[in-house]
Amino acid sequence: PHEYIYMDEAGFNLTKRRRRGRNVIGHRAIVGVPGQRGGNVTLCAAISNHGVVHHHANLGPYNTHQLLIFLNYMRDALLGQQDEHPIYVVVWDNVSFHRALQ
């Protein structure tokens, strides 16, 4: 039997916030904004029919090195100490660092 694992990554910017505020009628809503920009976080997750197999958040973008580390942890989570396991089929999008030569 085959077990399908869907893998994807998504980026988030930590500076996202509401643009509008509320205050008492006649007074302007003032929001203090920190002087530093927020960082970017990339979340990579592998999900099967049985739930989340593995997930990892990374400060900054994902590249080939981080992807290989993620795949190693996912392999360990799937195979573990089992002698028998199903045939895993990993489905992911066609991002350029998935095809890197490194």
N, C-alpha and C. Protein backbone atom coordinates (compact mmCIF):
# COMPACT_ATOMS: atom_id res chain seq x y z
N PRO A 1 0.83 -1.21 0.00
CA PRO A 1 0.00 0.00 0.00
C PRO A 1 0.87 1.26 0.00
N HIS A 2 0.38 2.28 -0.67
CA HIS A 2 1.09 3.55 -0.74
C HIS A 2 0.49 4.53 0.28
N GLU A 3 1.35 5.34 0.85
CA GLU A 3 0.89 6.41 1.72
C GLU A 3 1.41 7.73 1.16
N TYR A 4 0.50 8.65 0.89
CA TYR A 4 0.86 9.93 0.29
C TYR A 4 1.15 10.95 1.38
N ILE A 5 2.24 11.70 1.17
CA ILE A 5 2.64 12.76 2.09
C ILE A 5 2.75 14.04 1.28
N TYR A 6 2.00 15.05 1.69
CA TYR A 6 1.99 16.34 1.00
C TYR A 6 2.87 17.30 1.78
N MET A 7 3.79 17.93 1.07
CA MET A 7 4.78 18.79 1.71
C MET A 7 4.73 20.17 1.07
N ASP A 8 4.77 21.22 1.89
CA ASP A 8 4.76 22.58 1.36
C ASP A 8 5.40 23.50 2.38
N GLU A 9 5.81 24.66 1.90
CA GLU A 9 6.37 25.68 2.77
C GLU A 9 5.62 26.98 2.52
N ALA A 10 5.53 27.79 3.58
CA ALA A 10 4.83 29.07 3.49
C ALA A 10 5.61 30.09 4.31
N GLY A 11 5.70 31.31 3.79
CA GLY A 11 6.42 32.37 4.47
C GLY A 11 5.48 33.34 5.16
N PHE A 12 5.94 33.87 6.29
CA PHE A 12 5.16 34.84 7.06
C PHE A 12 6.08 35.97 7.46
N ASN A 13 5.54 37.19 7.46
CA ASN A 13 6.29 38.35 7.92
C ASN A 13 5.74 38.74 9.28
N LEU A 14 6.62 38.92 10.26
CA LEU A 14 6.20 39.18 11.63
C LEU A 14 5.73 40.60 11.87
N THR A 15 5.84 41.51 10.90
CA THR A 15 5.41 42.88 11.11
C THR A 15 3.96 43.10 10.73
N LYS A 16 3.28 42.09 10.28
CA LYS A 16 1.88 42.27 9.90
C LYS A 16 1.05 42.65 11.13
N ARG A 17 0.25 43.68 10.98
CA ARG A 17 -0.62 44.11 12.06
C ARG A 17 -1.82 44.82 11.47
N ARG A 18 -2.78 45.12 12.30
CA ARG A 18 -3.96 45.84 11.83
C ARG A 18 -3.59 47.25 11.42
N ARG A 19 -4.20 47.74 10.36
CA ARG A 19 -3.89 49.08 9.88
C ARG A 19 -4.80 50.14 10.49
N ARG A 20 -5.93 49.75 11.02
CA ARG A 20 -6.88 50.73 11.55
C ARG A 20 -7.10 50.47 13.03
N GLY A 21 -7.40 51.53 13.74
CA GLY A 21 -7.67 51.40 15.16
C GLY A 21 -8.93 52.17 15.54
N ARG A 22 -9.34 52.03 16.78
CA ARG A 22 -10.53 52.72 17.26
C ARG A 22 -10.16 53.51 18.51
N ASN A 23 -10.87 54.60 18.67
CA ASN A 23 -10.65 55.43 19.85
C ASN A 23 -11.95 56.17 20.13
N VAL A 24 -11.96 56.94 21.20
CA VAL A 24 -13.13 57.73 21.56
C VAL A 24 -13.41 58.73 20.44
N ILE A 25 -14.68 59.00 20.20
CA ILE A 25 -15.06 59.94 19.13
C ILE A 25 -14.37 61.28 19.36
N GLY A 26 -13.78 61.80 18.31
CA GLY A 26 -13.09 63.07 18.37
C GLY A 26 -11.60 62.96 18.66
N HIS A 27 -11.13 61.79 18.99
CA HIS A 27 -9.70 61.59 19.25
C HIS A 27 -9.13 60.62 18.23
N ARG A 28 -7.93 60.92 17.79
CA ARG A 28 -7.26 60.08 16.80
C ARG A 28 -6.70 58.82 17.46
N ALA A 29 -6.84 57.71 16.76
CA ALA A 29 -6.26 56.45 17.24
C ALA A 29 -4.78 56.45 16.91
N ILE A 30 -3.94 56.42 17.93
CA ILE A 30 -2.49 56.47 17.74
C ILE A 30 -1.92 55.13 18.19
N VAL A 31 -1.09 54.56 17.32
CA VAL A 31 -0.47 53.28 17.61
C VAL A 31 1.03 53.45 17.59
N GLY A 32 1.70 53.05 18.65
CA GLY A 32 3.16 53.09 18.67
C GLY A 32 3.72 51.93 17.85
N VAL A 33 4.63 52.25 16.94
CA VAL A 33 5.22 51.24 16.06
C VAL A 33 6.70 51.12 16.39
N PRO A 34 7.19 49.91 16.64
CA PRO A 34 8.63 49.76 16.93
C PRO A 34 9.47 50.14 15.71
N GLY A 35 10.68 50.60 15.98
CA GLY A 35 11.56 51.04 14.91
C GLY A 35 12.17 49.92 14.10
N GLN A 36 12.11 48.70 14.61
CA GLN A 36 12.74 47.59 13.90
C GLN A 36 11.72 46.86 13.04
N ARG A 37 12.19 46.39 11.92
CA ARG A 37 11.33 45.57 11.06
C ARG A 37 11.27 44.16 11.62
N GLY A 38 10.16 43.52 11.40
CA GLY A 38 10.02 42.13 11.85
C GLY A 38 10.72 41.19 10.88
N GLY A 39 11.06 40.03 11.35
CA GLY A 39 11.73 39.06 10.51
C GLY A 39 10.75 38.23 9.71
N ASN A 40 11.28 37.49 8.78
CA ASN A 40 10.48 36.57 7.99
C ASN A 40 10.66 35.16 8.56
N VAL A 41 9.56 34.45 8.68
CA VAL A 41 9.57 33.08 9.17
C VAL A 41 9.01 32.20 8.06
N THR A 42 9.69 31.10 7.78
CA THR A 42 9.21 30.14 6.80
C THR A 42 8.86 28.85 7.53
N LEU A 43 7.65 28.38 7.31
CA LEU A 43 7.19 27.14 7.92
C LEU A 43 7.11 26.07 6.85
N CYS A 44 7.71 24.93 7.11
CA CYS A 44 7.66 23.80 6.19
C CYS A 44 6.97 22.66 6.94
N ALA A 45 6.00 22.02 6.28
CA ALA A 45 5.25 20.95 6.93
C ALA A 45 5.00 19.81 5.96
N ALA A 46 4.97 18.60 6.50
CA ALA A 46 4.64 17.39 5.75
C ALA A 46 3.41 16.77 6.41
N ILE A 47 2.35 16.57 5.61
CA ILE A 47 1.08 16.10 6.13
C ILE A 47 0.64 14.86 5.36
N SER A 48 0.22 13.84 6.08
CA SER A 48 -0.29 12.62 5.46
C SER A 48 -1.77 12.47 5.80
N ASN A 49 -2.36 11.37 5.38
CA ASN A 49 -3.76 11.12 5.72
C ASN A 49 -3.95 10.91 7.22
N HIS A 50 -2.87 10.60 7.93
CA HIS A 50 -2.94 10.35 9.36
C HIS A 50 -2.61 11.57 10.20
N GLY A 51 -2.31 12.70 9.56
CA GLY A 51 -2.01 13.93 10.29
C GLY A 51 -0.64 14.47 9.93
N VAL A 52 -0.14 15.38 10.75
CA VAL A 52 1.15 16.03 10.51
C VAL A 52 2.27 15.04 10.79
N VAL A 53 3.12 14.83 9.79
CA VAL A 53 4.26 13.93 9.92
C VAL A 53 5.42 14.67 10.57
N HIS A 54 5.71 15.87 10.05
CA HIS A 54 6.81 16.68 10.58
C HIS A 54 6.57 18.13 10.18
N HIS A 55 7.01 19.06 11.03
CA HIS A 55 6.94 20.49 10.70
C HIS A 55 8.14 21.18 11.31
N HIS A 56 8.54 22.28 10.68
CA HIS A 56 9.69 23.03 11.17
C HIS A 56 9.56 24.48 10.73
N ALA A 57 9.80 25.40 11.65
CA ALA A 57 9.80 26.82 11.34
C ALA A 57 11.24 27.30 11.30
N ASN A 58 11.54 28.15 10.32
CA ASN A 58 12.90 28.62 10.10
C ASN A 58 12.86 30.14 10.00
N LEU A 59 13.75 30.83 10.71
CA LEU A 59 13.85 32.27 10.59
C LEU A 59 14.56 32.58 9.29
N GLY A 60 13.88 33.23 8.37
CA GLY A 60 14.42 33.49 7.05
C GLY A 60 13.88 32.50 6.04
N PRO A 61 14.36 32.59 4.80
CA PRO A 61 13.83 31.71 3.75
C PRO A 61 14.40 30.30 3.82
N TYR A 62 13.68 29.36 3.23
CA TYR A 62 14.17 27.99 3.09
C TYR A 62 15.09 27.93 1.88
N ASN A 63 16.14 27.13 1.97
CA ASN A 63 17.01 26.88 0.83
C ASN A 63 17.27 25.38 0.77
N THR A 64 18.16 24.96 -0.10
CA THR A 64 18.43 23.54 -0.29
C THR A 64 18.93 22.88 0.99
N HIS A 65 19.81 23.56 1.72
CA HIS A 65 20.36 22.99 2.95
C HIS A 65 19.27 22.72 3.98
N GLN A 66 18.39 23.72 4.22
CA GLN A 66 17.31 23.53 5.18
C GLN A 66 16.34 22.46 4.72
N LEU A 67 16.12 22.37 3.41
CA LEU A 67 15.21 21.35 2.89
C LEU A 67 15.76 19.95 3.13
N LEU A 68 17.07 19.76 2.92
CA LEU A 68 17.67 18.45 3.16
C LEU A 68 17.61 18.05 4.63
N ILE A 69 17.80 19.01 5.52
CA ILE A 69 17.67 18.74 6.95
C ILE A 69 16.23 18.33 7.27
N PHE A 70 15.27 19.07 6.70
CA PHE A 70 13.86 18.74 6.92
C PHE A 70 13.54 17.33 6.44
N LEU A 71 14.05 16.97 5.26
CA LEU A 71 13.79 15.64 4.71
C LEU A 71 14.40 14.54 5.58
N ASN A 72 15.58 14.79 6.14
CA ASN A 72 16.20 13.80 7.03
C ASN A 72 15.36 13.57 8.28
N TYR A 73 14.87 14.66 8.89
CA TYR A 73 14.01 14.52 10.07
C TYR A 73 12.70 13.83 9.71
N MET A 74 12.16 14.15 8.54
CA MET A 74 10.91 13.51 8.11
C MET A 74 11.13 12.01 7.89
N ARG A 75 12.25 11.66 7.27
CA ARG A 75 12.56 10.24 7.07
C ARG A 75 12.65 9.51 8.41
N ASP A 76 13.35 10.12 9.37
CA ASP A 76 13.47 9.50 10.69
C ASP A 76 12.11 9.35 11.37
N ALA A 77 11.24 10.35 11.20
CA ALA A 77 9.90 10.28 11.80
C ALA A 77 9.06 9.19 11.15
N LEU A 78 9.23 9.00 9.84
CA LEU A 78 8.42 8.00 9.13
C LEU A 78 8.93 6.58 9.35
N LEU A 79 10.22 6.40 9.21
CA LEU A 79 10.76 5.04 9.28
C LEU A 79 11.05 4.60 10.71
N GLY A 80 11.64 5.50 11.50
CA GLY A 80 11.92 5.18 12.89
C GLY A 80 12.64 3.85 13.04
N GLN A 81 12.14 3.02 13.92
CA GLN A 81 12.73 1.71 14.18
C GLN A 81 11.91 0.58 13.54
N GLN A 82 10.99 0.94 12.66
CA GLN A 82 10.12 -0.07 12.06
C GLN A 82 10.87 -0.91 11.03
N ASP A 83 10.57 -2.20 11.00
CA ASP A 83 11.14 -3.07 9.98
C ASP A 83 10.31 -3.03 8.71
N GLU A 84 9.00 -2.94 8.87
CA GLU A 84 8.11 -2.89 7.71
C GLU A 84 7.38 -1.55 7.71
N HIS A 85 7.23 -0.99 6.54
CA HIS A 85 6.52 0.28 6.41
C HIS A 85 5.94 0.35 5.00
N PRO A 86 4.94 1.20 4.79
CA PRO A 86 4.35 1.32 3.45
C PRO A 86 5.29 2.05 2.51
N ILE A 87 4.94 2.08 1.25
CA ILE A 87 5.69 2.86 0.26
C ILE A 87 5.18 4.30 0.36
N TYR A 88 6.09 5.22 0.65
CA TYR A 88 5.71 6.63 0.80
C TYR A 88 5.88 7.34 -0.53
N VAL A 89 4.90 8.17 -0.87
CA VAL A 89 4.95 9.02 -2.06
C VAL A 89 4.87 10.45 -1.56
N VAL A 90 5.94 11.23 -1.79
CA VAL A 90 5.99 12.62 -1.33
C VAL A 90 5.58 13.52 -2.49
N VAL A 91 4.58 14.37 -2.23
CA VAL A 91 4.06 15.30 -3.24
C VAL A 91 4.40 16.70 -2.76
N TRP A 92 5.06 17.49 -3.64
CA TRP A 92 5.35 18.89 -3.30
C TRP A 92 5.33 19.74 -4.55
N ASP A 93 5.37 21.05 -4.36
CA ASP A 93 5.32 21.96 -5.50
C ASP A 93 6.68 22.01 -6.20
N ASN A 94 6.78 22.81 -7.23
CA ASN A 94 7.95 22.81 -8.09
C ASN A 94 8.86 24.01 -7.82
N VAL A 95 9.19 24.25 -6.55
CA VAL A 95 10.06 25.37 -6.20
C VAL A 95 11.48 25.06 -6.66
N SER A 96 12.22 26.10 -7.07
CA SER A 96 13.54 25.90 -7.69
C SER A 96 14.53 25.21 -6.75
N PHE A 97 14.51 25.49 -5.43
CA PHE A 97 15.51 24.85 -4.57
C PHE A 97 15.20 23.37 -4.35
N HIS A 98 14.02 22.89 -4.75
CA HIS A 98 13.76 21.46 -4.69
C HIS A 98 14.57 20.71 -5.75
N ARG A 99 15.00 21.42 -6.79
CA ARG A 99 15.73 20.79 -7.88
C ARG A 99 17.22 21.11 -7.86
N ALA A 100 17.74 21.73 -6.83
CA ALA A 100 19.14 22.13 -6.79
C ALA A 100 20.06 20.92 -6.84
N LEU A 101 21.27 21.12 -7.36
CA LEU A 101 22.23 20.04 -7.52
C LEU A 101 22.95 19.69 -6.23
N GLN A 102 22.89 20.54 -5.22
CA GLN A 102 23.62 20.29 -3.98
C GLN A 102 23.02 19.16 -3.20
